[in-house]
Amino acid sequence: MTIELIKRLLDACYEAKRIRDMLPPLPDGVTPSYIHFLDVIGQMEKNGTSVKVSDISDALNLPRPGVTRTVKEMEQKGYLTKKPSEEDARILYLFITDEGKKLSAKYNEQVFNALLPDLEAISGEDAECTIRTIERFYRVMCERRNDLDK
């Protein structure tokens, strides 16, 4: 790795953020976090996991207070519901409502399915390599920040 390559990698991360900013607008009052949370919850539910706020926080490497705040907003807008655990009422599980499923499906159909044909030139292998690289880079930057905080 060279300094020039590190700079190019940072530039690519900036471009990645700009790509996210080019996604179509969401309905009024809906943030990109809602779609992301719905995807994570849906995937965990498919894997048989009963989802808690801490699971979303861990999966997305986000602070719990922010996840709690977003989940509360989503619940107020009817996209999620909370139900206490039968074994321990202090534990609250999150479930996607029908409205949440409609929102997620609509966004997936309109945005991601529409992108598929345009992204055929990028192989799955290249996409996986990019994902691994960004994840590693992120971990390095988090570790450096944590070391500086000490």
N, C-alpha and C. Protein backbone atom coordinates (compact mmCIF):
# COMPACT_ATOMS: atom_id res chain seq x y z
N MET A 1 0.86 -1.18 0.00
CA MET A 1 0.00 0.00 0.00
C MET A 1 0.90 1.23 0.00
N THR A 2 0.52 2.21 -0.79
CA THR A 2 1.26 3.46 -0.85
C THR A 2 0.37 4.60 -0.37
N ILE A 3 0.98 5.75 -0.10
CA ILE A 3 0.20 6.92 0.31
C ILE A 3 -0.78 7.29 -0.79
N GLU A 4 -0.33 7.23 -2.03
CA GLU A 4 -1.20 7.58 -3.16
C GLU A 4 -2.40 6.63 -3.23
N LEU A 5 -2.18 5.36 -2.98
CA LEU A 5 -3.27 4.38 -3.00
C LEU A 5 -4.24 4.62 -1.84
N ILE A 6 -3.72 5.00 -0.68
CA ILE A 6 -4.60 5.33 0.46
C ILE A 6 -5.49 6.52 0.08
N LYS A 7 -4.91 7.52 -0.56
CA LYS A 7 -5.69 8.68 -0.98
C LYS A 7 -6.78 8.28 -1.98
N ARG A 8 -6.43 7.41 -2.92
CA ARG A 8 -7.41 6.95 -3.92
C ARG A 8 -8.53 6.15 -3.25
N LEU A 9 -8.16 5.37 -2.24
CA LEU A 9 -9.16 4.59 -1.50
C LEU A 9 -10.12 5.52 -0.77
N LEU A 10 -9.58 6.56 -0.13
CA LEU A 10 -10.44 7.55 0.52
C LEU A 10 -11.33 8.27 -0.48
N ASP A 11 -10.79 8.58 -1.66
CA ASP A 11 -11.60 9.21 -2.71
C ASP A 11 -12.74 8.29 -3.14
N ALA A 12 -12.45 6.99 -3.24
CA ALA A 12 -13.48 6.01 -3.63
C ALA A 12 -14.57 5.95 -2.57
N CYS A 13 -14.19 6.06 -1.30
CA CYS A 13 -15.20 6.07 -0.23
C CYS A 13 -16.09 7.30 -0.35
N TYR A 14 -15.49 8.43 -0.69
CA TYR A 14 -16.27 9.65 -0.89
C TYR A 14 -17.24 9.45 -2.06
N GLU A 15 -16.77 8.85 -3.13
CA GLU A 15 -17.65 8.59 -4.27
C GLU A 15 -18.77 7.63 -3.88
N ALA A 16 -18.47 6.65 -3.03
CA ALA A 16 -19.49 5.72 -2.58
C ALA A 16 -20.60 6.46 -1.83
N LYS A 17 -20.23 7.43 -1.03
CA LYS A 17 -21.24 8.21 -0.33
C LYS A 17 -22.08 9.01 -1.32
N ARG A 18 -21.42 9.54 -2.34
CA ARG A 18 -22.16 10.29 -3.36
C ARG A 18 -23.13 9.39 -4.11
N ILE A 19 -22.75 8.13 -4.32
CA ILE A 19 -23.66 7.18 -4.96
C ILE A 19 -24.91 7.00 -4.11
N ARG A 20 -24.73 6.82 -2.80
CA ARG A 20 -25.89 6.68 -1.90
C ARG A 20 -26.79 7.91 -1.99
N ASP A 21 -26.18 9.08 -2.12
CA ASP A 21 -26.96 10.31 -2.20
C ASP A 21 -27.76 10.40 -3.50
N MET A 22 -27.40 9.61 -4.51
CA MET A 22 -28.11 9.63 -5.79
C MET A 22 -29.32 8.69 -5.83
N LEU A 23 -29.52 7.93 -4.77
CA LEU A 23 -30.69 7.05 -4.74
C LEU A 23 -31.95 7.90 -4.77
N PRO A 24 -33.03 7.36 -5.30
CA PRO A 24 -34.27 8.14 -5.40
C PRO A 24 -34.77 8.58 -4.02
N PRO A 25 -35.50 9.68 -3.98
CA PRO A 25 -36.01 10.16 -2.69
C PRO A 25 -36.99 9.16 -2.09
N LEU A 26 -36.99 9.13 -0.79
CA LEU A 26 -37.90 8.26 -0.04
C LEU A 26 -39.19 9.03 0.24
N PRO A 27 -40.23 8.32 0.62
CA PRO A 27 -41.47 9.02 0.99
C PRO A 27 -41.21 10.00 2.14
N ASP A 28 -42.06 10.99 2.25
CA ASP A 28 -41.93 11.99 3.32
C ASP A 28 -41.84 11.30 4.68
N GLY A 29 -40.88 11.74 5.48
CA GLY A 29 -40.74 11.22 6.83
C GLY A 29 -39.97 9.92 6.94
N VAL A 30 -39.56 9.36 5.81
CA VAL A 30 -38.80 8.10 5.82
C VAL A 30 -37.34 8.42 5.54
N THR A 31 -36.45 7.87 6.37
CA THR A 31 -35.02 8.09 6.18
C THR A 31 -34.39 6.81 5.62
N PRO A 32 -33.20 6.92 5.02
CA PRO A 32 -32.51 5.73 4.53
C PRO A 32 -32.29 4.69 5.64
N SER A 33 -32.15 5.16 6.88
CA SER A 33 -31.97 4.22 8.00
C SER A 33 -33.16 3.28 8.12
N TYR A 34 -34.36 3.77 7.85
CA TYR A 34 -35.55 2.92 7.95
C TYR A 34 -35.42 1.72 7.01
N ILE A 35 -35.03 2.00 5.77
CA ILE A 35 -34.89 0.93 4.78
C ILE A 35 -33.81 -0.04 5.22
N HIS A 36 -32.71 0.50 5.69
CA HIS A 36 -31.59 -0.33 6.15
C HIS A 36 -32.02 -1.21 7.33
N PHE A 37 -32.70 -0.64 8.30
CA PHE A 37 -33.15 -1.39 9.47
C PHE A 37 -34.15 -2.47 9.05
N LEU A 38 -35.08 -2.13 8.16
CA LEU A 38 -36.05 -3.12 7.69
C LEU A 38 -35.35 -4.28 7.00
N ASP A 39 -34.33 -3.99 6.21
CA ASP A 39 -33.56 -5.05 5.54
C ASP A 39 -32.88 -5.95 6.57
N VAL A 40 -32.24 -5.34 7.56
CA VAL A 40 -31.51 -6.12 8.58
C VAL A 40 -32.48 -6.98 9.39
N ILE A 41 -33.59 -6.38 9.81
CA ILE A 41 -34.57 -7.14 10.60
C ILE A 41 -35.14 -8.28 9.75
N GLY A 42 -35.49 -7.97 8.51
CA GLY A 42 -36.05 -9.00 7.63
C GLY A 42 -35.08 -10.16 7.43
N GLN A 43 -33.82 -9.85 7.23
CA GLN A 43 -32.81 -10.90 7.03
C GLN A 43 -32.64 -11.74 8.29
N MET A 44 -32.60 -11.08 9.45
CA MET A 44 -32.46 -11.81 10.71
C MET A 44 -33.68 -12.70 10.96
N GLU A 45 -34.86 -12.18 10.67
CA GLU A 45 -36.08 -12.98 10.84
C GLU A 45 -36.04 -14.21 9.94
N LYS A 46 -35.57 -14.05 8.69
CA LYS A 46 -35.45 -15.19 7.77
C LYS A 46 -34.52 -16.26 8.33
N ASN A 47 -33.51 -15.80 9.08
CA ASN A 47 -32.55 -16.74 9.68
C ASN A 47 -33.05 -17.30 11.02
N GLY A 48 -34.29 -16.95 11.39
CA GLY A 48 -34.87 -17.48 12.62
C GLY A 48 -34.50 -16.73 13.88
N THR A 49 -33.97 -15.53 13.74
CA THR A 49 -33.57 -14.73 14.90
C THR A 49 -34.71 -13.82 15.33
N SER A 50 -34.98 -13.80 16.62
CA SER A 50 -35.89 -12.79 17.19
C SER A 50 -35.03 -11.55 17.42
N VAL A 51 -35.41 -10.45 16.82
CA VAL A 51 -34.55 -9.27 16.73
C VAL A 51 -34.81 -8.26 17.85
N LYS A 52 -33.71 -7.82 18.46
CA LYS A 52 -33.74 -6.77 19.49
C LYS A 52 -32.98 -5.55 18.95
N VAL A 53 -33.14 -4.42 19.61
CA VAL A 53 -32.41 -3.21 19.23
C VAL A 53 -30.91 -3.50 19.22
N SER A 54 -30.43 -4.22 20.20
CA SER A 54 -29.00 -4.52 20.29
C SER A 54 -28.51 -5.32 19.08
N ASP A 55 -29.38 -6.16 18.51
CA ASP A 55 -28.99 -6.93 17.33
C ASP A 55 -28.76 -6.02 16.12
N ILE A 56 -29.62 -5.03 15.96
CA ILE A 56 -29.45 -4.07 14.86
C ILE A 56 -28.18 -3.26 15.09
N SER A 57 -28.00 -2.81 16.31
CA SER A 57 -26.83 -2.03 16.67
C SER A 57 -25.55 -2.82 16.36
N ASP A 58 -25.51 -4.07 16.76
CA ASP A 58 -24.34 -4.91 16.52
C ASP A 58 -24.14 -5.18 15.03
N ALA A 59 -25.23 -5.49 14.33
CA ALA A 59 -25.13 -5.83 12.91
C ALA A 59 -24.64 -4.67 12.06
N LEU A 60 -25.05 -3.45 12.43
CA LEU A 60 -24.70 -2.28 11.63
C LEU A 60 -23.58 -1.46 12.25
N ASN A 61 -23.08 -1.93 13.40
CA ASN A 61 -22.00 -1.23 14.10
C ASN A 61 -22.38 0.23 14.38
N LEU A 62 -23.60 0.38 14.93
CA LEU A 62 -24.13 1.70 15.26
C LEU A 62 -24.36 1.80 16.77
N PRO A 63 -24.23 2.99 17.33
CA PRO A 63 -24.49 3.16 18.76
C PRO A 63 -25.96 2.85 19.10
N ARG A 64 -26.18 2.18 20.22
CA ARG A 64 -27.54 1.78 20.61
C ARG A 64 -28.50 2.96 20.78
N PRO A 65 -28.06 4.08 21.36
CA PRO A 65 -29.03 5.18 21.52
C PRO A 65 -29.62 5.65 20.18
N GLY A 66 -28.79 5.72 19.16
CA GLY A 66 -29.27 6.14 17.84
C GLY A 66 -30.22 5.11 17.24
N VAL A 67 -29.90 3.83 17.42
CA VAL A 67 -30.77 2.77 16.92
C VAL A 67 -32.11 2.81 17.67
N THR A 68 -32.04 2.99 18.97
CA THR A 68 -33.26 3.06 19.79
C THR A 68 -34.15 4.21 19.31
N ARG A 69 -33.54 5.36 19.05
CA ARG A 69 -34.29 6.54 18.59
C ARG A 69 -34.97 6.25 17.23
N THR A 70 -34.23 5.67 16.31
CA THR A 70 -34.79 5.38 14.98
C THR A 70 -35.89 4.33 15.08
N VAL A 71 -35.68 3.30 15.89
CA VAL A 71 -36.70 2.26 16.07
C VAL A 71 -37.97 2.88 16.65
N LYS A 72 -37.83 3.79 17.60
CA LYS A 72 -39.00 4.46 18.18
C LYS A 72 -39.76 5.24 17.11
N GLU A 73 -39.03 5.97 16.26
CA GLU A 73 -39.67 6.71 15.16
C GLU A 73 -40.41 5.75 14.23
N MET A 74 -39.75 4.65 13.90
CA MET A 74 -40.35 3.68 12.98
C MET A 74 -41.60 3.05 13.59
N GLU A 75 -41.57 2.84 14.89
CA GLU A 75 -42.73 2.28 15.57
C GLU A 75 -43.88 3.30 15.55
N GLN A 76 -43.57 4.57 15.80
CA GLN A 76 -44.60 5.62 15.80
C GLN A 76 -45.22 5.78 14.42
N LYS A 77 -44.44 5.53 13.37
CA LYS A 77 -44.95 5.68 12.01
C LYS A 77 -45.58 4.39 11.47
N GLY A 78 -45.57 3.34 12.30
CA GLY A 78 -46.27 2.11 11.93
C GLY A 78 -45.47 1.12 11.11
N TYR A 79 -44.14 1.26 11.06
CA TYR A 79 -43.31 0.33 10.29
C TYR A 79 -42.80 -0.84 11.12
N LEU A 80 -42.75 -0.66 12.43
CA LEU A 80 -42.29 -1.70 13.35
C LEU A 80 -43.24 -1.78 14.53
N THR A 81 -43.22 -2.93 15.19
CA THR A 81 -43.91 -3.08 16.45
C THR A 81 -42.98 -3.81 17.41
N LYS A 82 -43.15 -3.54 18.70
CA LYS A 82 -42.35 -4.21 19.73
C LYS A 82 -43.25 -5.14 20.52
N LYS A 83 -42.68 -6.30 20.86
CA LYS A 83 -43.41 -7.25 21.70
C LYS A 83 -42.44 -7.80 22.74
N PRO A 84 -42.90 -7.89 24.01
CA PRO A 84 -42.01 -8.43 25.04
C PRO A 84 -41.80 -9.93 24.87
N SER A 85 -40.64 -10.37 25.30
CA SER A 85 -40.33 -11.80 25.30
C SER A 85 -41.26 -12.51 26.28
N GLU A 86 -41.66 -13.71 25.94
CA GLU A 86 -42.51 -14.49 26.84
C GLU A 86 -41.73 -14.95 28.08
N GLU A 87 -40.42 -15.14 27.91
CA GLU A 87 -39.58 -15.60 29.02
C GLU A 87 -39.16 -14.46 29.96
N ASP A 88 -38.94 -13.28 29.38
CA ASP A 88 -38.44 -12.15 30.16
C ASP A 88 -39.03 -10.87 29.57
N ALA A 89 -40.02 -10.32 30.24
CA ALA A 89 -40.75 -9.16 29.72
C ALA A 89 -39.87 -7.91 29.56
N ARG A 90 -38.67 -7.93 30.15
CA ARG A 90 -37.77 -6.78 29.97
C ARG A 90 -37.16 -6.76 28.57
N ILE A 91 -37.16 -7.91 27.92
CA ILE A 91 -36.60 -8.01 26.57
C ILE A 91 -37.71 -7.73 25.56
N LEU A 92 -37.45 -6.76 24.67
CA LEU A 92 -38.43 -6.39 23.65
C LEU A 92 -37.92 -6.83 22.28
N TYR A 93 -38.76 -7.56 21.58
CA TYR A 93 -38.43 -7.99 20.22
C TYR A 93 -39.12 -7.07 19.21
N LEU A 94 -38.46 -6.88 18.08
CA LEU A 94 -38.97 -6.01 17.03
C LEU A 94 -39.55 -6.86 15.90
N PHE A 95 -40.67 -6.40 15.38
CA PHE A 95 -41.30 -7.08 14.26
C PHE A 95 -41.70 -6.06 13.21
N ILE A 96 -41.53 -6.43 11.96
CA ILE A 96 -41.92 -5.55 10.85
C ILE A 96 -43.43 -5.67 10.66
N THR A 97 -44.10 -4.53 10.60
CA THR A 97 -45.55 -4.51 10.38
C THR A 97 -45.82 -4.67 8.88
N ASP A 98 -47.09 -4.80 8.53
CA ASP A 98 -47.46 -4.87 7.12
C ASP A 98 -47.03 -3.60 6.38
N GLU A 99 -47.18 -2.44 7.05
CA GLU A 99 -46.74 -1.17 6.44
C GLU A 99 -45.23 -1.18 6.20
N GLY A 100 -44.48 -1.70 7.16
CA GLY A 100 -43.03 -1.80 7.01
C GLY A 100 -42.65 -2.73 5.87
N LYS A 101 -43.38 -3.83 5.75
CA LYS A 101 -43.11 -4.78 4.65
C LYS A 101 -43.41 -4.14 3.30
N LYS A 102 -44.49 -3.36 3.24
CA LYS A 102 -44.84 -2.67 1.98
C LYS A 102 -43.75 -1.66 1.61
N LEU A 103 -43.30 -0.88 2.60
CA LEU A 103 -42.25 0.11 2.34
C LEU A 103 -40.99 -0.56 1.85
N SER A 104 -40.57 -1.60 2.51
CA SER A 104 -39.35 -2.31 2.14
C SER A 104 -39.48 -2.92 0.74
N ALA A 105 -40.59 -3.57 0.48
CA ALA A 105 -40.80 -4.22 -0.82
C ALA A 105 -40.82 -3.18 -1.95
N LYS A 106 -41.51 -2.08 -1.71
CA LYS A 106 -41.60 -1.03 -2.73
C LYS A 106 -40.22 -0.48 -3.06
N TYR A 107 -39.44 -0.19 -2.01
CA TYR A 107 -38.11 0.36 -2.26
C TYR A 107 -37.21 -0.66 -2.95
N ASN A 108 -37.28 -1.92 -2.51
CA ASN A 108 -36.47 -2.96 -3.14
C ASN A 108 -36.84 -3.13 -4.61
N GLU A 109 -38.13 -3.14 -4.90
CA GLU A 109 -38.57 -3.32 -6.28
C GLU A 109 -38.19 -2.13 -7.14
N GLN A 110 -38.45 -0.93 -6.64
CA GLN A 110 -38.23 0.26 -7.45
C GLN A 110 -36.76 0.61 -7.62
N VAL A 111 -35.97 0.41 -6.61
CA VAL A 111 -34.58 0.86 -6.66
C VAL A 111 -33.63 -0.27 -7.01
N PHE A 112 -33.59 -1.28 -6.18
CA PHE A 112 -32.58 -2.31 -6.35
C PHE A 112 -32.83 -3.17 -7.60
N ASN A 113 -34.08 -3.52 -7.84
CA ASN A 113 -34.37 -4.30 -9.05
C ASN A 113 -34.08 -3.48 -10.31
N ALA A 114 -34.33 -2.17 -10.25
CA ALA A 114 -34.05 -1.31 -11.40
C ALA A 114 -32.55 -1.19 -11.65
N LEU A 115 -31.74 -1.29 -10.60
CA LEU A 115 -30.29 -1.18 -10.75
C LEU A 115 -29.64 -2.45 -11.32
N LEU A 116 -30.28 -3.59 -11.11
CA LEU A 116 -29.68 -4.86 -11.52
C LEU A 116 -29.15 -4.87 -12.95
N PRO A 117 -29.95 -4.52 -13.95
CA PRO A 117 -29.44 -4.60 -15.33
C PRO A 117 -28.24 -3.67 -15.58
N ASP A 118 -28.24 -2.52 -14.91
CA ASP A 118 -27.16 -1.56 -15.12
C ASP A 118 -25.86 -1.99 -14.45
N LEU A 119 -25.95 -2.90 -13.50
CA LEU A 119 -24.76 -3.33 -12.77
C LEU A 119 -24.26 -4.71 -13.18
N GLU A 120 -24.80 -5.24 -14.26
CA GLU A 120 -24.39 -6.56 -14.73
C GLU A 120 -22.90 -6.65 -15.03
N ALA A 121 -22.29 -5.54 -15.41
CA ALA A 121 -20.86 -5.54 -15.76
C ALA A 121 -19.95 -5.70 -14.54
N ILE A 122 -20.50 -5.53 -13.35
CA ILE A 122 -19.71 -5.72 -12.13
C ILE A 122 -19.96 -7.14 -11.64
N SER A 123 -18.92 -7.92 -11.59
CA SER A 123 -19.08 -9.32 -11.17
C SER A 123 -19.36 -9.40 -9.67
N GLY A 124 -19.98 -10.47 -9.28
CA GLY A 124 -20.20 -10.72 -7.86
C GLY A 124 -18.88 -10.76 -7.11
N GLU A 125 -17.87 -11.33 -7.74
CA GLU A 125 -16.54 -11.42 -7.13
C GLU A 125 -15.97 -10.02 -6.88
N ASP A 126 -16.09 -9.13 -7.87
CA ASP A 126 -15.60 -7.76 -7.70
C ASP A 126 -16.37 -7.04 -6.59
N ALA A 127 -17.68 -7.23 -6.57
CA ALA A 127 -18.50 -6.58 -5.53
C ALA A 127 -18.09 -7.09 -4.15
N GLU A 128 -17.91 -8.40 -4.01
CA GLU A 128 -17.51 -8.98 -2.71
C GLU A 128 -16.14 -8.45 -2.28
N CYS A 129 -15.22 -8.30 -3.22
CA CYS A 129 -13.89 -7.78 -2.91
C CYS A 129 -13.99 -6.33 -2.43
N THR A 130 -14.82 -5.54 -3.09
CA THR A 130 -15.01 -4.15 -2.68
C THR A 130 -15.59 -4.08 -1.28
N ILE A 131 -16.58 -4.90 -1.01
CA ILE A 131 -17.21 -4.93 0.31
C ILE A 131 -16.19 -5.30 1.38
N ARG A 132 -15.41 -6.35 1.14
CA ARG A 132 -14.39 -6.77 2.12
C ARG A 132 -13.38 -5.66 2.36
N THR A 133 -12.95 -5.00 1.30
CA THR A 133 -11.96 -3.93 1.42
C THR A 133 -12.50 -2.78 2.25
N ILE A 134 -13.70 -2.35 1.96
CA ILE A 134 -14.29 -1.23 2.71
C ILE A 134 -14.49 -1.63 4.17
N GLU A 135 -14.94 -2.85 4.42
CA GLU A 135 -15.12 -3.30 5.80
C GLU A 135 -13.79 -3.32 6.55
N ARG A 136 -12.73 -3.79 5.92
CA ARG A 136 -11.41 -3.80 6.56
C ARG A 136 -10.92 -2.39 6.84
N PHE A 137 -11.08 -1.53 5.84
CA PHE A 137 -10.66 -0.15 5.96
C PHE A 137 -11.41 0.51 7.13
N TYR A 138 -12.70 0.26 7.22
CA TYR A 138 -13.50 0.82 8.30
C TYR A 138 -13.00 0.34 9.66
N ARG A 139 -12.73 -0.95 9.77
CA ARG A 139 -12.22 -1.50 11.04
C ARG A 139 -10.89 -0.86 11.43
N VAL A 140 -10.00 -0.67 10.46
CA VAL A 140 -8.70 -0.02 10.73
C VAL A 140 -8.93 1.39 11.25
N MET A 141 -9.81 2.13 10.59
CA MET A 141 -10.06 3.51 11.00
C MET A 141 -10.70 3.57 12.39
N CYS A 142 -11.59 2.64 12.70
CA CYS A 142 -12.20 2.58 14.04
C CYS A 142 -11.15 2.28 15.09
N GLU A 143 -10.28 1.34 14.81
CA GLU A 143 -9.22 0.98 15.76
C GLU A 143 -8.29 2.17 16.00
N ARG A 144 -7.94 2.87 14.93
CA ARG A 144 -7.07 4.04 15.07
C ARG A 144 -7.75 5.10 15.93
N ARG A 145 -9.03 5.33 15.68
CA ARG A 145 -9.77 6.32 16.46
C ARG A 145 -9.82 5.91 17.92
N ASN A 146 -10.08 4.63 18.17
CA ASN A 146 -10.11 4.14 19.54
C ASN A 146 -8.75 4.28 20.22
N ASP A 147 -7.68 4.03 19.49
CA ASP A 147 -6.33 4.18 20.05
C ASP A 147 -6.02 5.63 20.37
N LEU A 148 -6.50 6.55 19.54
CA LEU A 148 -6.27 7.98 19.77
C LEU A 148 -7.06 8.49 20.96
N ASP A 149 -8.21 7.85 21.24
CA ASP A 149 -9.05 8.27 22.36
C ASP A 149 -8.45 7.89 23.70
N LYS A 150 -7.48 6.99 23.70
CA LYS A 150 -6.90 6.50 24.97
C LYS A 150 -5.88 7.47 25.52
